[in-house]
Protein backbone atom coordinates (compact mmCIF):
# COMPACT_ATOMS: atom_id res chain seq x y z
CA UNK A 1 107.93 133.61 126.36
CA UNK A 2 104.34 131.62 127.11
CA UNK A 3 104.25 127.79 125.46
CA UNK A 4 101.31 128.31 122.82
CA UNK A 5 98.46 126.40 123.78
CA UNK A 6 97.51 123.54 121.79
CA UNK A 7 94.16 123.51 120.38
CA UNK A 8 91.61 120.84 121.21
CA UNK A 9 91.48 117.89 118.14
CA UNK A 10 88.31 118.47 115.89
CA UNK A 11 85.40 115.54 115.91
CA UNK A 12 85.39 113.67 112.73
CA UNK A 13 82.36 112.51 111.43
CA UNK A 14 82.37 108.23 111.15
CA UNK A 15 83.35 107.32 107.35
CA UNK A 16 80.36 105.02 106.39
CA UNK A 17 80.84 101.45 106.99
CA UNK A 18 79.89 100.52 102.80
CA UNK A 19 79.69 104.17 101.17
CA UNK A 20 76.29 103.98 98.52
CA UNK A 21 77.19 104.47 94.76
CA UNK A 22 75.12 107.15 92.73
CA UNK A 23 73.28 104.27 91.18
CA UNK A 24 72.56 103.21 94.41
CA UNK A 25 71.56 106.07 95.64
CA UNK A 26 69.20 106.96 93.17
CA UNK A 27 67.26 103.99 92.93
CA UNK A 28 66.70 104.81 97.11
CA UNK A 29 64.82 107.58 96.24
CA UNK A 30 67.79 110.34 97.19
CA UNK A 31 69.89 112.60 95.31
CA UNK A 32 67.59 115.96 94.51
CA UNK A 33 67.83 118.37 97.67
CA UNK A 34 65.62 121.00 96.13
CA UNK A 35 62.52 119.51 96.22
CA UNK A 36 59.36 120.27 98.30
CA UNK A 37 57.66 118.35 100.89
CA UNK A 38 54.41 116.86 101.30
CA UNK A 39 51.84 117.85 103.25
CA UNK A 40 49.33 116.85 105.85
CA UNK A 41 47.16 119.13 108.30
CA UNK A 42 48.66 118.32 111.26
CA UNK A 43 52.46 117.59 110.13
CA UNK A 44 54.91 116.19 113.15
CA UNK A 45 57.65 118.25 114.17
CA UNK A 46 60.73 118.18 116.14
CA UNK A 47 60.39 121.79 118.08
CA UNK A 48 64.15 123.41 119.05
CA UNK A 49 63.59 125.15 122.69
CA UNK A 50 65.95 127.31 124.57
CA UNK A 51 67.05 124.19 125.94
CA UNK A 52 66.43 120.74 124.66
CA UNK A 53 63.65 119.93 121.84
CA UNK A 54 60.03 118.95 121.97
CA UNK A 55 58.43 116.08 119.86
CA UNK A 56 55.13 117.77 118.49
CA UNK A 57 52.59 115.03 116.97
CA UNK A 58 49.11 114.50 116.87
CA UNK A 59 49.24 112.66 120.30
CA UNK A 60 50.43 115.67 121.88
CA UNK A 61 53.82 117.01 122.92
CA UNK A 62 56.93 115.28 124.44
CA UNK A 63 60.36 117.62 125.72
CA UNK A 64 63.80 115.64 125.31
CA UNK A 65 66.93 116.73 125.71
CA UNK A 66 67.89 115.22 122.63
CA UNK A 67 66.73 113.09 119.77
CA UNK A 68 68.78 110.83 117.27
CA UNK A 69 67.69 110.09 113.44
CA UNK A 70 68.45 110.31 109.74
CA UNK A 71 67.99 113.24 107.52
CA UNK A 72 65.78 111.95 104.63
CA UNK A 73 65.10 115.30 102.94
CA UNK A 74 65.75 118.61 103.39
CA UNK A 75 65.33 121.98 101.24
CA UNK A 76 66.48 125.62 102.20
CA UNK A 77 62.79 128.12 103.45
CA UNK A 78 62.33 131.63 103.16
CA UNK A 79 59.22 132.94 104.31
CA UNK A 80 57.63 136.59 104.50
CA UNK A 81 55.03 138.06 107.14
CA UNK A 82 53.51 141.01 106.21
CA UNK A 83 52.22 141.54 110.17
CA UNK A 84 54.44 141.54 113.03
CA UNK A 85 51.79 138.80 114.29
CA UNK A 86 50.72 136.31 111.64
CA UNK A 87 48.34 134.59 113.65
CA UNK A 88 49.58 131.10 112.55
CA UNK A 89 48.06 132.43 108.86
CA UNK A 90 50.93 131.17 105.96
CA UNK A 91 53.27 133.32 104.92
CA UNK A 92 52.36 136.40 102.79
CA UNK A 93 55.87 134.85 100.01
CA UNK A 94 57.59 131.73 101.02
CA UNK A 95 60.67 130.16 99.22
CA UNK A 96 62.07 126.37 99.47
CA UNK A 97 64.88 126.91 96.91
CA UNK A 98 66.34 130.48 98.25
CA UNK A 99 65.97 131.67 94.39
CA UNK A 100 62.36 132.21 93.52
CA UNK A 101 59.41 133.14 96.34
CA UNK A 102 56.03 132.16 95.78
CA UNK A 103 54.25 135.60 95.56
CA UNK A 104 57.37 138.50 94.74
CA UNK A 105 59.84 136.54 92.79
CA UNK A 106 63.30 136.97 92.73
CA UNK A 107 65.05 136.53 95.88
CA UNK A 108 68.68 138.58 95.39
CA UNK A 109 66.35 141.50 93.95
CA UNK A 110 63.38 141.48 96.47
CA UNK A 111 62.79 143.97 98.01
CA UNK A 112 61.65 142.74 101.33
CA UNK A 113 64.77 141.20 101.63
CA UNK A 114 67.01 142.62 104.50
CA UNK A 115 69.75 143.11 102.64
CA UNK A 116 66.76 145.81 100.00
CA UNK A 117 65.59 146.55 103.83
CA UNK A 118 69.36 147.73 105.63
CA UNK A 119 69.94 149.58 102.28
CA UNK A 120 66.70 151.20 102.65
CA UNK A 121 67.48 152.10 106.20
CA UNK A 122 71.09 153.32 105.69
CA UNK A 123 70.33 155.99 103.28
CA UNK A 124 67.42 157.64 105.64
CA UNK A 125 70.68 157.66 108.20
CA UNK A 126 69.01 154.76 110.31
CA UNK A 127 71.46 151.32 111.70
CA UNK A 128 68.68 148.89 112.10
CA UNK A 129 65.88 148.43 109.58
CA UNK A 130 61.92 147.82 111.67
CA UNK A 131 60.11 146.84 108.71
CA UNK A 132 59.22 143.33 108.08
CA UNK A 133 61.68 141.46 106.33
CA UNK A 134 62.27 138.06 104.92
CA UNK A 135 63.42 135.40 107.66
CA UNK A 136 65.81 132.47 106.57
CA UNK A 137 65.34 129.23 107.35
CA UNK A 138 66.21 125.33 107.03
CA UNK A 139 63.58 122.21 106.66
CA UNK A 140 64.91 119.16 107.80
CA UNK A 141 62.75 115.87 107.23
CA UNK A 142 64.42 113.39 110.49
CA UNK A 143 63.26 110.27 110.69
CA UNK A 144 63.83 108.35 114.11
CA UNK A 145 61.38 105.43 113.06
CA UNK A 146 60.51 104.33 110.15
CA UNK A 147 57.38 103.35 111.45
CA UNK A 148 56.29 107.40 112.93
CA UNK A 149 57.55 108.64 109.57
CA UNK A 150 59.21 111.87 109.46
CA UNK A 151 59.29 115.21 110.92
CA UNK A 152 59.66 118.48 110.21
CA UNK A 153 62.89 120.23 111.91
CA UNK A 154 62.74 124.09 110.96
CA UNK A 155 66.73 124.91 111.07
CA UNK A 156 66.41 128.76 112.46
CA UNK A 157 68.35 131.42 111.29
CA UNK A 158 70.67 131.08 114.65
CA UNK A 159 71.65 128.29 114.00
CA UNK A 160 72.39 127.67 109.80
CA UNK A 161 76.01 128.08 110.56
CA UNK A 162 76.06 125.60 112.63
CA UNK A 163 74.22 123.34 110.06
CA UNK A 164 76.82 124.20 107.62
CA UNK A 165 79.44 123.10 108.87
CA UNK A 166 77.69 119.96 110.10
CA UNK A 167 77.25 119.05 106.19
CA UNK A 168 80.53 120.22 105.56
CA UNK A 169 81.65 117.72 107.71
CA UNK A 170 79.51 114.35 106.36
CA UNK A 171 79.21 112.37 103.09
CA UNK A 172 75.15 112.19 102.89
CA UNK A 173 72.54 114.00 104.79
CA UNK A 174 70.92 110.08 105.12
CA UNK A 175 74.51 107.99 105.03
CA UNK A 176 74.26 108.53 109.32
CA UNK A 177 72.75 108.61 112.25
CA UNK A 178 72.26 112.37 113.67
CA UNK A 179 72.40 113.54 117.29
CA UNK A 180 69.93 117.13 117.51
CA UNK A 181 69.75 118.46 120.48
CA UNK A 182 69.69 122.21 122.14
CA UNK A 183 72.19 124.56 123.49
CA UNK A 184 70.78 127.83 125.32
CA UNK A 185 72.75 130.94 124.08
CA UNK A 186 72.71 134.86 125.22
CA UNK A 187 73.03 137.67 122.90
CA UNK A 188 72.93 140.36 125.27
CA UNK A 189 69.32 140.23 126.53
CA UNK A 190 68.07 138.14 124.44
CA UNK A 191 68.39 134.24 125.11
CA UNK A 192 67.55 131.81 122.32
CA UNK A 193 68.12 128.14 121.32
CA UNK A 194 70.92 127.08 119.10
CA UNK A 195 70.09 123.67 117.21
CA UNK A 196 73.44 121.71 116.99
CA UNK A 197 73.99 118.43 115.28
CA UNK A 198 76.45 115.50 115.90
CA UNK A 199 77.05 112.42 113.91
CA UNK A 200 77.38 109.81 115.65
CA UNK A 201 77.20 106.61 113.28
CA UNK A 202 76.90 105.71 109.93
CA UNK A 203 72.84 104.33 109.36
CA UNK A 204 72.58 100.83 108.55
CA UNK A 205 71.47 99.53 104.70
CA UNK A 206 68.54 98.28 106.00
CA UNK A 207 67.02 101.45 107.65
CA UNK A 208 68.21 103.32 104.58
CA UNK A 209 65.68 100.37 102.51
CA UNK A 210 62.97 101.11 104.84
CA UNK A 211 62.94 104.84 104.65
CA UNK A 212 63.54 105.43 100.54
CA UNK A 213 60.11 105.47 99.63
CA UNK A 214 59.46 108.21 102.31
CA UNK A 215 62.07 110.29 101.11
CA UNK A 216 61.27 109.03 97.17
CA UNK A 217 57.72 110.90 98.07
CA UNK A 218 59.52 113.89 99.42
CA UNK A 219 61.06 114.66 96.49
CA UNK A 220 58.44 113.38 93.92
CA UNK A 221 56.77 116.73 95.31
CA UNK A 222 59.36 118.69 93.51
CA UNK A 223 56.83 121.41 91.56
CA UNK A 224 54.03 121.28 94.89
CA UNK A 225 54.63 124.37 96.62
CA UNK A 226 50.78 124.33 98.18
CA UNK A 227 51.97 121.28 99.87
CA UNK A 228 54.31 122.87 102.53
CA UNK A 229 53.68 122.44 106.20
CA UNK A 230 53.03 125.96 107.05
CA UNK A 231 49.97 126.76 104.42
CA UNK A 232 48.85 122.24 105.07
CA UNK A 233 48.13 122.70 108.79
CA UNK A 234 46.40 126.49 107.98
CA UNK A 235 44.14 124.44 105.57
CA UNK A 236 45.55 125.49 101.89
CA UNK A 237 46.65 121.49 101.18
CA UNK A 238 44.89 118.48 101.17
CA UNK A 239 45.81 116.02 103.52
CA UNK A 240 48.51 113.74 102.30
CA UNK A 241 50.51 110.60 103.34
CA UNK A 242 53.67 108.58 103.26
């Protein structure tokens, strides 16, 4: 009988040097993850490529294999486009909590959801849908340098499993320095970049204090769905700054 193959030890996230109390976290502006980001006509981004990332700002596009930073804010994001070619137009409907859409109401019963479209396809004897459906993602707001401000990192659908596993390893999204990278994944004839996350080290308290106003400003816009980066870049919102 062959010997049982040993499993490779799992990496554990670094522990916080001095964990922040709930009161300290609240004072720094952390706590409510289901809020809406501030807008801006040119929102700086970390874009996921097939191999690596691109930092996109008003100064141009800078390719990089990986980048480090802290997640000051995050929320789920759903978007529905009625056509396959939206031409950089804002979505016809979007949600920043995965519960309620900006136009079509409750996400759980929405006719444009993937599950609803698949039910119609199966009823018609088809194995897949050809309809336009709502797409699921997750928005992260990453600070690499407090002087630079937050960058929007949209976690694509095929990377959400990695994000969920990462969040399950850490105490708080702003408690650690995270490394973001992208690896090439092949599925049949399709190639795409899958986002990866690695906890590097605890975030110093001094850094948390520096980025606190940015996090607080993001949270204070909880009701301002029109200030989403997608809307702002299409001219649908006035520019704001941190």
